[in-house]
Amino acid sequence: MNRRAFVRTFACSLFAAPLAAQAQQASRVFRLGALNLGAPPSTGTYDARRDVIVVLRDLGYVEGRNLAVERRYADGFVERLSVLAVELVQRHVEPG
């Protein structure tokens, strides 16, 4: 296993661990906040965030059914991060 795959798998498992403890509550929709300094990924490029969604799907969380992902992008402007973070808090995303 190469280093990149190991780090990605390890990071995804750490990210998903708090959600796995609550997996029995299937009727509840979990709201996940994703804050990114960059721009939204373009079609056809590698996006590590998709790996997180795959891990969550393996744990029983399916976007659109029992998982809602609120994505925010700062488009490279660090000063926008605080505003976007407040917006995610107002949307009542899950604490992590």
PDB file of N, CA and C in Angstrom:
ATOM      1  N   MET A   1       0.870  -1.177   0.000  1.00  0.00           N
ATOM      2  CA  MET A   1       0.000   0.000   0.000  1.00  0.00           C
ATOM      3  C   MET A   1       0.908   1.228   0.000  1.00  0.00           C
ATOM      4  N   ASN A   2       0.689   2.132  -0.931  1.00  0.00           N
ATOM      5  CA  ASN A   2       1.530   3.308  -0.966  1.00  0.00           C
ATOM      6  C   ASN A   2       1.120   4.301   0.111  1.00  0.00           C
ATOM      7  N   ARG A   3       1.964   5.255   0.350  1.00  0.00           N
ATOM      8  CA  ARG A   3       1.754   6.212   1.445  1.00  0.00           C
ATOM      9  C   ARG A   3       0.475   7.018   1.261  1.00  0.00           C
ATOM     10  N   ARG A   4       0.216   7.468   0.050  1.00  0.00           N
ATOM     11  CA  ARG A   4      -0.978   8.279  -0.214  1.00  0.00           C
ATOM     12  C   ARG A   4      -2.260   7.504   0.104  1.00  0.00           C
ATOM     13  N   ALA A   5      -2.319   6.257  -0.318  1.00  0.00           N
ATOM     14  CA  ALA A   5      -3.496   5.433  -0.045  1.00  0.00           C
ATOM     15  C   ALA A   5      -3.650   5.191   1.457  1.00  0.00           C
ATOM     16  N   PHE A   6      -2.531   4.969   2.150  1.00  0.00           N
ATOM     17  CA  PHE A   6      -2.596   4.751   3.594  1.00  0.00           C
ATOM     18  C   PHE A   6      -3.122   5.990   4.310  1.00  0.00           C
ATOM     19  N   VAL A   7      -2.557   7.147   3.975  1.00  0.00           N
ATOM     20  CA  VAL A   7      -2.986   8.396   4.628  1.00  0.00           C
ATOM     21  C   VAL A   7      -4.458   8.665   4.332  1.00  0.00           C
ATOM     22  N   ARG A   8      -4.894   8.464   3.105  1.00  0.00           N
ATOM     23  CA  ARG A   8      -6.287   8.692   2.733  1.00  0.00           C
ATOM     24  C   ARG A   8      -7.213   7.759   3.510  1.00  0.00           C
ATOM     25  N   THR A   9      -6.861   6.483   3.580  1.00  0.00           N
ATOM     26  CA  THR A   9      -7.681   5.519   4.307  1.00  0.00           C
ATOM     27  C   THR A   9      -7.720   5.842   5.790  1.00  0.00           C
ATOM     28  N   PHE A  10      -6.576   6.198   6.338  1.00  0.00           N
ATOM     29  CA  PHE A  10      -6.515   6.539   7.756  1.00  0.00           C
ATOM     30  C   PHE A  10      -7.352   7.780   8.055  1.00  0.00           C
ATOM     31  N   ALA A  11      -7.231   8.810   7.227  1.00  0.00           N
ATOM     32  CA  ALA A  11      -7.993  10.042   7.436  1.00  0.00           C
ATOM     33  C   ALA A  11      -9.491   9.798   7.305  1.00  0.00           C
ATOM     34  N   CYS A  12      -9.885   9.014   6.339  1.00  0.00           N
ATOM     35  CA  CYS A  12     -11.310   8.714   6.162  1.00  0.00           C
ATOM     36  C   CYS A  12     -11.861   7.941   7.344  1.00  0.00           C
ATOM     37  N   SER A  13     -11.075   7.008   7.867  1.00  0.00           N
ATOM     38  CA  SER A  13     -11.563   6.231   9.004  1.00  0.00           C
ATOM     39  C   SER A  13     -11.681   7.101  10.246  1.00  0.00           C
ATOM     40  N   LEU A  14     -10.756   8.028  10.450  1.00  0.00           N
ATOM     41  CA  LEU A  14     -10.873   8.947  11.588  1.00  0.00           C
ATOM     42  C   LEU A  14     -12.084   9.853  11.434  1.00  0.00           C
ATOM     43  N   PHE A  15     -12.317  10.289  10.220  1.00  0.00           N
ATOM     44  CA  PHE A  15     -13.441  11.183   9.952  1.00  0.00           C
ATOM     45  C   PHE A  15     -14.776  10.482  10.182  1.00  0.00           C
ATOM     46  N   ALA A  16     -14.841   9.221   9.817  1.00  0.00           N
ATOM     47  CA  ALA A  16     -16.103   8.488   9.893  1.00  0.00           C
ATOM     48  C   ALA A  16     -16.364   7.869  11.258  1.00  0.00           C
ATOM     49  N   ALA A  17     -15.354   7.743  12.107  1.00  0.00           N
ATOM     50  CA  ALA A  17     -15.520   7.062  13.395  1.00  0.00           C
ATOM     51  C   ALA A  17     -16.638   7.641  14.257  1.00  0.00           C
ATOM     52  N   PRO A  18     -16.759   8.971  14.419  1.00  0.00           N
ATOM     53  CA  PRO A  18     -17.852   9.472  15.255  1.00  0.00           C
ATOM     54  C   PRO A  18     -19.232   9.145  14.687  1.00  0.00           C
ATOM     55  N   LEU A  19     -19.349   9.059  13.390  1.00  0.00           N
ATOM     56  CA  LEU A  19     -20.639   8.762  12.780  1.00  0.00           C
ATOM     57  C   LEU A  19     -21.006   7.287  12.928  1.00  0.00           C
ATOM     58  N   ALA A  20     -20.017   6.415  12.985  1.00  0.00           N
ATOM     59  CA  ALA A  20     -20.284   4.983  13.081  1.00  0.00           C
ATOM     60  C   ALA A  20     -20.983   4.632  14.389  1.00  0.00           C
ATOM     61  N   ALA A  21     -20.709   5.374  15.442  1.00  0.00           N
ATOM     62  CA  ALA A  21     -21.325   5.103  16.735  1.00  0.00           C
ATOM     63  C   ALA A  21     -22.824   5.377  16.710  1.00  0.00           C
ATOM     64  N   GLN A  22     -23.279   6.194  15.775  1.00  0.00           N
ATOM     65  CA  GLN A  22     -24.686   6.564  15.711  1.00  0.00           C
ATOM     66  C   GLN A  22     -25.396   5.902  14.531  1.00  0.00           C
ATOM     67  N   ALA A  23     -24.833   4.881  13.959  1.00  0.00           N
ATOM     68  CA  ALA A  23     -25.350   4.298  12.724  1.00  0.00           C
ATOM     69  C   ALA A  23     -26.709   3.624  12.884  1.00  0.00           C
ATOM     70  N   GLN A  24     -27.112   3.270  14.108  1.00  0.00           N
ATOM     71  CA  GLN A  24     -28.386   2.585  14.263  1.00  0.00           C
ATOM     72  C   GLN A  24     -29.593   3.502  14.053  1.00  0.00           C
ATOM     73  N   GLN A  25     -29.425   4.798  14.124  1.00  0.00           N
ATOM     74  CA  GLN A  25     -30.538   5.734  13.982  1.00  0.00           C
ATOM     75  C   GLN A  25     -30.770   6.035  12.509  1.00  0.00           C
ATOM     76  N   ALA A  26     -31.338   5.074  11.778  1.00  0.00           N
ATOM     77  CA  ALA A  26     -31.470   5.188  10.327  1.00  0.00           C
ATOM     78  C   ALA A  26     -32.456   6.264   9.893  1.00  0.00           C
ATOM     79  N   SER A  27     -33.438   6.599  10.720  1.00  0.00           N
ATOM     80  CA  SER A  27     -34.448   7.565  10.294  1.00  0.00           C
ATOM     81  C   SER A  27     -33.944   8.998  10.387  1.00  0.00           C
ATOM     82  N   ARG A  28     -32.882   9.224  11.091  1.00  0.00           N
ATOM     83  CA  ARG A  28     -32.336  10.563  11.262  1.00  0.00           C
ATOM     84  C   ARG A  28     -31.441  10.922  10.067  1.00  0.00           C
ATOM     85  N   VAL A  29     -31.526  12.163   9.630  1.00  0.00           N
ATOM     86  CA  VAL A  29     -30.654  12.651   8.562  1.00  0.00           C
ATOM     87  C   VAL A  29     -29.517  13.431   9.212  1.00  0.00           C
ATOM     88  N   PHE A  30     -28.299  12.980   8.985  1.00  0.00           N
ATOM     89  CA  PHE A  30     -27.125  13.643   9.524  1.00  0.00           C
ATOM     90  C   PHE A  30     -26.673  14.716   8.539  1.00  0.00           C
ATOM     91  N   ARG A  31     -26.344  15.882   9.071  1.00  0.00           N
ATOM     92  CA  ARG A  31     -25.894  16.998   8.244  1.00  0.00           C
ATOM     93  C   ARG A  31     -24.399  17.169   8.467  1.00  0.00           C
ATOM     94  N   LEU A  32     -23.642  16.928   7.418  1.00  0.00           N
ATOM     95  CA  LEU A  32     -22.195  17.004   7.465  1.00  0.00           C
ATOM     96  C   LEU A  32     -21.748  18.304   6.812  1.00  0.00           C
ATOM     97  N   GLY A  33     -20.921  19.061   7.488  1.00  0.00           N
ATOM     98  CA  GLY A  33     -20.391  20.302   6.932  1.00  0.00           C
ATOM     99  C   GLY A  33     -19.013  20.087   6.348  1.00  0.00           C
ATOM    100  N   ALA A  34     -18.791  20.542   5.126  1.00  0.00           N
ATOM    101  CA  ALA A  34     -17.497  20.409   4.464  1.00  0.00           C
ATOM    102  C   ALA A  34     -17.025  21.790   4.043  1.00  0.00           C
ATOM    103  N   LEU A  35     -15.976  22.269   4.679  1.00  0.00           N
ATOM    104  CA  LEU A  35     -15.423  23.601   4.415  1.00  0.00           C
ATOM    105  C   LEU A  35     -14.081  23.428   3.715  1.00  0.00           C
ATOM    106  N   ASN A  36     -13.907  24.095   2.570  1.00  0.00           N
ATOM    107  CA  ASN A  36     -12.711  23.919   1.772  1.00  0.00           C
ATOM    108  C   ASN A  36     -12.161  25.261   1.355  1.00  0.00           C
ATOM    109  N   LEU A  37     -10.842  25.428   1.484  1.00  0.00           N
ATOM    110  CA  LEU A  37     -10.196  26.674   1.087  1.00  0.00           C
ATOM    111  C   LEU A  37     -10.196  26.858  -0.424  1.00  0.00           C
ATOM    112  N   GLY A  38     -10.172  25.790  -1.168  1.00  0.00           N
ATOM    113  CA  GLY A  38     -10.086  25.871  -2.621  1.00  0.00           C
ATOM    114  C   GLY A  38     -11.426  26.061  -3.299  1.00  0.00           C
ATOM    115  N   ALA A  39     -11.415  25.801  -4.602  1.00  0.00           N
ATOM    116  CA  ALA A  39     -12.621  25.903  -5.421  1.00  0.00           C
ATOM    117  C   ALA A  39     -13.249  24.517  -5.554  1.00  0.00           C
ATOM    118  N   PRO A  40     -14.511  24.453  -5.966  1.00  0.00           N
ATOM    119  CA  PRO A  40     -15.117  23.141  -6.208  1.00  0.00           C
ATOM    120  C   PRO A  40     -14.312  22.366  -7.247  1.00  0.00           C
ATOM    121  N   PRO A  41     -14.199  21.048  -7.083  1.00  0.00           N
ATOM    122  CA  PRO A  41     -13.411  20.270  -8.047  1.00  0.00           C
ATOM    123  C   PRO A  41     -14.074  20.274  -9.416  1.00  0.00           C
ATOM    124  N   SER A  42     -13.248  20.304 -10.446  1.00  0.00           N
ATOM    125  CA  SER A  42     -13.788  20.244 -11.794  1.00  0.00           C
ATOM    126  C   SER A  42     -14.069  18.791 -12.153  1.00  0.00           C
ATOM    127  N   THR A  43     -14.931  18.596 -13.104  1.00  0.00           N
ATOM    128  CA  THR A  43     -15.315  17.245 -13.534  1.00  0.00           C
ATOM    129  C   THR A  43     -14.103  16.517 -14.103  1.00  0.00           C
ATOM    130  N   GLY A  44     -13.963  15.275 -13.690  1.00  0.00           N
ATOM    131  CA  GLY A  44     -12.880  14.452 -14.227  1.00  0.00           C
ATOM    132  C   GLY A  44     -11.582  14.534 -13.462  1.00  0.00           C
ATOM    133  N   THR A  45     -11.479  15.391 -12.444  1.00  0.00           N
ATOM    134  CA  THR A  45     -10.254  15.470 -11.659  1.00  0.00           C
ATOM    135  C   THR A  45     -10.407  14.653 -10.386  1.00  0.00           C
ATOM    136  N   TYR A  46      -9.271  14.255  -9.808  1.00  0.00           N
ATOM    137  CA  TYR A  46      -9.304  13.493  -8.565  1.00  0.00           C
ATOM    138  C   TYR A  46      -9.774  14.395  -7.431  1.00  0.00           C
ATOM    139  N   ASP A  47     -10.666  13.885  -6.618  1.00  0.00           N
ATOM    140  CA  ASP A  47     -11.195  14.641  -5.480  1.00  0.00           C
ATOM    141  C   ASP A  47     -11.213  13.719  -4.269  1.00  0.00           C
ATOM    142  N   ALA A  48     -10.339  13.981  -3.304  1.00  0.00           N
ATOM    143  CA  ALA A  48     -10.232  13.143  -2.103  1.00  0.00           C
ATOM    144  C   ALA A  48     -11.524  13.147  -1.301  1.00  0.00           C
ATOM    145  N   ARG A  49     -12.327  14.182  -1.438  1.00  0.00           N
ATOM    146  CA  ARG A  49     -13.587  14.246  -0.684  1.00  0.00           C
ATOM    147  C   ARG A  49     -14.540  13.141  -1.120  1.00  0.00           C
ATOM    148  N   ARG A  50     -14.434  12.681  -2.341  1.00  0.00           N
ATOM    149  CA  ARG A  50     -15.269  11.560  -2.797  1.00  0.00           C
ATOM    150  C   ARG A  50     -14.938  10.300  -2.016  1.00  0.00           C
ATOM    151  N   ASP A  51     -13.684  10.154  -1.630  1.00  0.00           N
ATOM    152  CA  ASP A  51     -13.283   8.982  -0.854  1.00  0.00           C
ATOM    153  C   ASP A  51     -13.997   8.963   0.496  1.00  0.00           C
ATOM    154  N   VAL A  52     -14.176  10.126   1.091  1.00  0.00           N
ATOM    155  CA  VAL A  52     -14.887  10.214   2.371  1.00  0.00           C
ATOM    156  C   VAL A  52     -16.331   9.778   2.181  1.00  0.00           C
ATOM    157  N   ILE A  53     -16.966  10.219   1.121  1.00  0.00           N
ATOM    158  CA  ILE A  53     -18.352   9.841   0.849  1.00  0.00           C
ATOM    159  C   ILE A  53     -18.461   8.333   0.628  1.00  0.00           C
ATOM    160  N   VAL A  54     -17.463   7.732  -0.025  1.00  0.00           N
ATOM    161  CA  VAL A  54     -17.472   6.283  -0.240  1.00  0.00           C
ATOM    162  C   VAL A  54     -17.369   5.552   1.098  1.00  0.00           C
ATOM    163  N   VAL A  55     -16.492   6.020   1.978  1.00  0.00           N
ATOM    164  CA  VAL A  55     -16.356   5.388   3.299  1.00  0.00           C
ATOM    165  C   VAL A  55     -17.655   5.524   4.086  1.00  0.00           C
ATOM    166  N   LEU A  56     -18.262   6.698   4.042  1.00  0.00           N
ATOM    167  CA  LEU A  56     -19.529   6.893   4.745  1.00  0.00           C
ATOM    168  C   LEU A  56     -20.617   5.982   4.172  1.00  0.00           C
ATOM    169  N   ARG A  57     -20.636   5.809   2.858  1.00  0.00           N
ATOM    170  CA  ARG A  57     -21.613   4.912   2.231  1.00  0.00           C
ATOM    171  C   ARG A  57     -21.404   3.478   2.713  1.00  0.00           C
ATOM    172  N   ASP A  58     -20.138   3.082   2.855  1.00  0.00           N
ATOM    173  CA  ASP A  58     -19.840   1.740   3.371  1.00  0.00           C
ATOM    174  C   ASP A  58     -20.334   1.568   4.809  1.00  0.00           C
ATOM    175  N   LEU A  59     -20.422   2.656   5.549  1.00  0.00           N
ATOM    176  CA  LEU A  59     -20.912   2.617   6.929  1.00  0.00           C
ATOM    177  C   LEU A  59     -22.430   2.756   7.014  1.00  0.00           C
ATOM    178  N   GLY A  60     -23.083   2.909   5.861  1.00  0.00           N
ATOM    179  CA  GLY A  60     -24.541   2.978   5.849  1.00  0.00           C
ATOM    180  C   GLY A  60     -25.112   4.373   5.683  1.00  0.00           C
ATOM    181  N   TYR A  61     -24.267   5.362   5.463  1.00  0.00           N
ATOM    182  CA  TYR A  61     -24.736   6.737   5.281  1.00  0.00           C
ATOM    183  C   TYR A  61     -24.762   7.053   3.791  1.00  0.00           C
ATOM    184  N   VAL A  62     -25.940   7.330   3.270  1.00  0.00           N
ATOM    185  CA  VAL A  62     -26.104   7.576   1.843  1.00  0.00           C
ATOM    186  C   VAL A  62     -26.597   8.995   1.656  1.00  0.00           C
ATOM    187  N   GLU A  63     -25.830   9.755   0.884  1.00  0.00           N
ATOM    188  CA  GLU A  63     -26.204  11.146   0.633  1.00  0.00           C
ATOM    189  C   GLU A  63     -27.557  11.184  -0.079  1.00  0.00           C
ATOM    190  N   GLY A  64     -28.468  11.993   0.448  1.00  0.00           N
ATOM    191  CA  GLY A  64     -29.802  12.093  -0.103  1.00  0.00           C
ATOM    192  C   GLY A  64     -30.808  11.224   0.629  1.00  0.00           C
ATOM    193  N   ARG A  65     -30.332  10.259   1.416  1.00  0.00           N
ATOM    194  CA  ARG A  65     -31.239   9.398   2.167  1.00  0.00           C
ATOM    195  C   ARG A  65     -31.118   9.680   3.667  1.00  0.00           C
ATOM    196  N   ASN A  66     -29.948   9.426   4.249  1.00  0.00           N
ATOM    197  CA  ASN A  66     -29.762   9.695   5.668  1.00  0.00           C
ATOM    198  C   ASN A  66     -28.530  10.565   5.925  1.00  0.00           C
ATOM    199  N   LEU A  67     -28.018  11.188   4.870  1.00  0.00           N
ATOM    200  CA  LEU A  67     -26.864  12.064   4.975  1.00  0.00           C
ATOM    201  C   LEU A  67     -27.053  13.254   4.042  1.00  0.00           C
ATOM    202  N   ALA A  68     -26.871  14.439   4.591  1.00  0.00           N
ATOM    203  CA  ALA A  68     -26.886  15.671   3.788  1.00  0.00           C
ATOM    204  C   ALA A  68     -25.530  16.341   3.969  1.00  0.00           C
ATOM    205  N   VAL A  69     -24.850  16.607   2.881  1.00  0.00           N
ATOM    206  CA  VAL A  69     -23.532  17.231   2.940  1.00  0.00           C
ATOM    207  C   VAL A  69     -23.665  18.681   2.505  1.00  0.00           C
ATOM    208  N   GLU A  70     -23.317  19.579   3.413  1.00  0.00           N
ATOM    209  CA  GLU A  70     -23.318  21.012   3.132  1.00  0.00           C
ATOM    210  C   GLU A  70     -21.890  21.399   2.759  1.00  0.00           C
ATOM    211  N   ARG A  71     -21.646  21.679   1.486  1.00  0.00           N
ATOM    212  CA  ARG A  71     -20.301  22.004   1.005  1.00  0.00           C
ATOM    213  C   ARG A  71     -20.157  23.511   0.831  1.00  0.00           C
ATOM    214  N   ARG A  72     -19.033  24.026   1.305  1.00  0.00           N
ATOM    215  CA  ARG A  72     -18.727  25.451   1.144  1.00  0.00           C
ATOM    216  C   ARG A  72     -17.289  25.577   0.651  1.00  0.00           C
ATOM    217  N   TYR A  73     -17.072  26.460  -0.314  1.00  0.00           N
ATOM    218  CA  TYR A  73     -15.761  26.660  -0.912  1.00  0.00           C
ATOM    219  C   TYR A  73     -15.371  28.134  -0.812  1.00  0.00           C
ATOM    220  N   ALA A  74     -14.130  28.388  -0.376  1.00  0.00           N
ATOM    221  CA  ALA A  74     -13.644  29.757  -0.213  1.00  0.00           C
ATOM    222  C   ALA A  74     -12.941  30.271  -1.463  1.00  0.00           C
ATOM    223  N   ASP A  75     -12.766  29.444  -2.464  1.00  0.00           N
ATOM    224  CA  ASP A  75     -12.122  29.817  -3.731  1.00  0.00           C
ATOM    225  C   ASP A  75     -10.753  30.474  -3.538  1.00  0.00           C
ATOM    226  N   GLY A  76     -10.010  30.011  -2.520  1.00  0.00           N
ATOM    227  CA  GLY A  76      -8.667  30.512  -2.283  1.00  0.00           C
ATOM    228  C   GLY A  76      -8.590  31.751  -1.407  1.00  0.00           C
ATOM    229  N   PHE A  77      -9.708  32.267  -0.973  1.00  0.00           N
ATOM    230  CA  PHE A  77      -9.723  33.472  -0.145  1.00  0.00           C
ATOM    231  C   PHE A  77      -9.868  33.086   1.324  1.00  0.00           C
ATOM    232  N   VAL A  78      -8.746  33.136   2.065  1.00  0.00           N
ATOM    233  CA  VAL A  78      -8.728  32.725   3.471  1.00  0.00           C
ATOM    234  C   VAL A  78      -9.730  33.528   4.288  1.00  0.00           C
ATOM    235  N   GLU A  79      -9.896  34.792   3.969  1.00  0.00           N
ATOM    236  CA  GLU A  79     -10.796  35.659   4.736  1.00  0.00           C
ATOM    237  C   GLU A  79     -12.264  35.219   4.643  1.00  0.00           C
ATOM    238  N   ARG A  80     -12.608  34.412   3.661  1.00  0.00           N
ATOM    239  CA  ARG A  80     -13.989  33.919   3.524  1.00  0.00           C
ATOM    240  C   ARG A  80     -14.296  32.729   4.430  1.00  0.00           C
ATOM    241  N   LEU A  81     -13.255  32.064   4.936  1.00  0.00           N
ATOM    242  CA  LEU A  81     -13.462  30.849   5.727  1.00  0.00           C
ATOM    243  C   LEU A  81     -14.328  31.077   6.962  1.00  0.00           C
ATOM    244  N   SER A  82     -14.096  32.183   7.678  1.00  0.00           N
ATOM    245  CA  SER A  82     -14.876  32.419   8.895  1.00  0.00           C
ATOM    246  C   SER A  82     -16.351  32.642   8.571  1.00  0.00           C
ATOM    247  N   VAL A  83     -16.638  33.347   7.495  1.00  0.00           N
ATOM    248  CA  VAL A  83     -18.032  33.579   7.099  1.00  0.00           C
ATOM    249  C   VAL A  83     -18.691  32.266   6.704  1.00  0.00           C
ATOM    250  N   LEU A  84     -17.976  31.443   5.962  1.00  0.00           N
ATOM    251  CA  LEU A  84     -18.516  30.155   5.537  1.00  0.00           C
ATOM    252  C   LEU A  84     -18.709  29.216   6.727  1.00  0.00           C
ATOM    253  N   ALA A  85     -17.796  29.275   7.696  1.00  0.00           N
ATOM    254  CA  ALA A  85     -17.933  28.441   8.893  1.00  0.00           C
ATOM    255  C   ALA A  85     -19.174  28.836   9.691  1.00  0.00           C
ATOM    256  N   VAL A  86     -19.416  30.132   9.815  1.00  0.00           N
ATOM    257  CA  VAL A  86     -20.620  30.602  10.514  1.00  0.00           C
ATOM    258  C   VAL A  86     -21.866  30.114   9.780  1.00  0.00           C
ATOM    259  N   GLU A  87     -21.831  30.161   8.469  1.00  0.00           N
ATOM    260  CA  GLU A  87     -22.960  29.689   7.660  1.00  0.00           C
ATOM    261  C   GLU A  87     -23.239  28.205   7.909  1.00  0.00           C
ATOM    262  N   LEU A  88     -22.177  27.404   8.006  1.00  0.00           N
ATOM    263  CA  LEU A  88     -22.370  25.986   8.272  1.00  0.00           C
ATOM    264  C   LEU A  88     -22.943  25.754   9.670  1.00  0.00           C
ATOM    265  N   VAL A  89     -22.492  26.525  10.630  1.00  0.00           N
ATOM    266  CA  VAL A  89     -23.037  26.406  11.989  1.00  0.00           C
ATOM    267  C   VAL A  89     -24.515  26.757  12.003  1.00  0.00           C
ATOM    268  N   GLN A  90     -24.881  27.761  11.253  1.00  0.00           N
ATOM    269  CA  GLN A  90     -26.300  28.154  11.181  1.00  0.00           C
ATOM    270  C   GLN A  90     -27.135  27.089  10.499  1.00  0.00           C
ATOM    271  N   ARG A  91     -26.539  26.272   9.673  1.00  0.00           N
ATOM    272  CA  ARG A  91     -27.254  25.185   8.993  1.00  0.00           C
ATOM    273  C   ARG A  91     -27.358  23.948   9.880  1.00  0.00           C
ATOM    274  N   HIS A  92     -26.836  24.042  11.080  1.00  0.00           N
ATOM    275  CA  HIS A  92     -26.923  22.973  12.093  1.00  0.00           C
ATOM    276  C   HIS A  92     -26.272  21.669  11.628  1.00  0.00           C
ATOM    277  N   VAL A  93     -25.032  21.775  11.140  1.00  0.00           N
ATOM    278  CA  VAL A  93     -24.304  20.565  10.773  1.00  0.00           C
ATOM    279  C   VAL A  93     -23.867  19.849  12.044  1.00  0.00           C
ATOM    280  N   GLU A  94     -23.540  18.566  11.910  1.00  0.00           N
ATOM    281  CA  GLU A  94     -23.150  17.748  13.050  1.00  0.00           C
ATOM    282  C   GLU A  94     -21.819  18.229  13.613  1.00  0.00           C
ATOM    283  N   PRO A  95     -21.692  18.292  14.948  1.00  0.00           N
ATOM    284  CA  PRO A  95     -20.402  18.619  15.530  1.00  0.00           C
ATOM    285  C   PRO A  95     -19.449  17.456  15.316  1.00  0.00           C
ATOM    286  N   GLY A  96     -18.222  17.737  15.099  1.00  0.00           N
ATOM    287  CA  GLY A  96     -17.270  16.660  14.869  1.00  0.00           C
ATOM    288  C   GLY A  96     -16.073  16.875  15.662  1.00  0.00           C
TER     289      GLY A  96
END
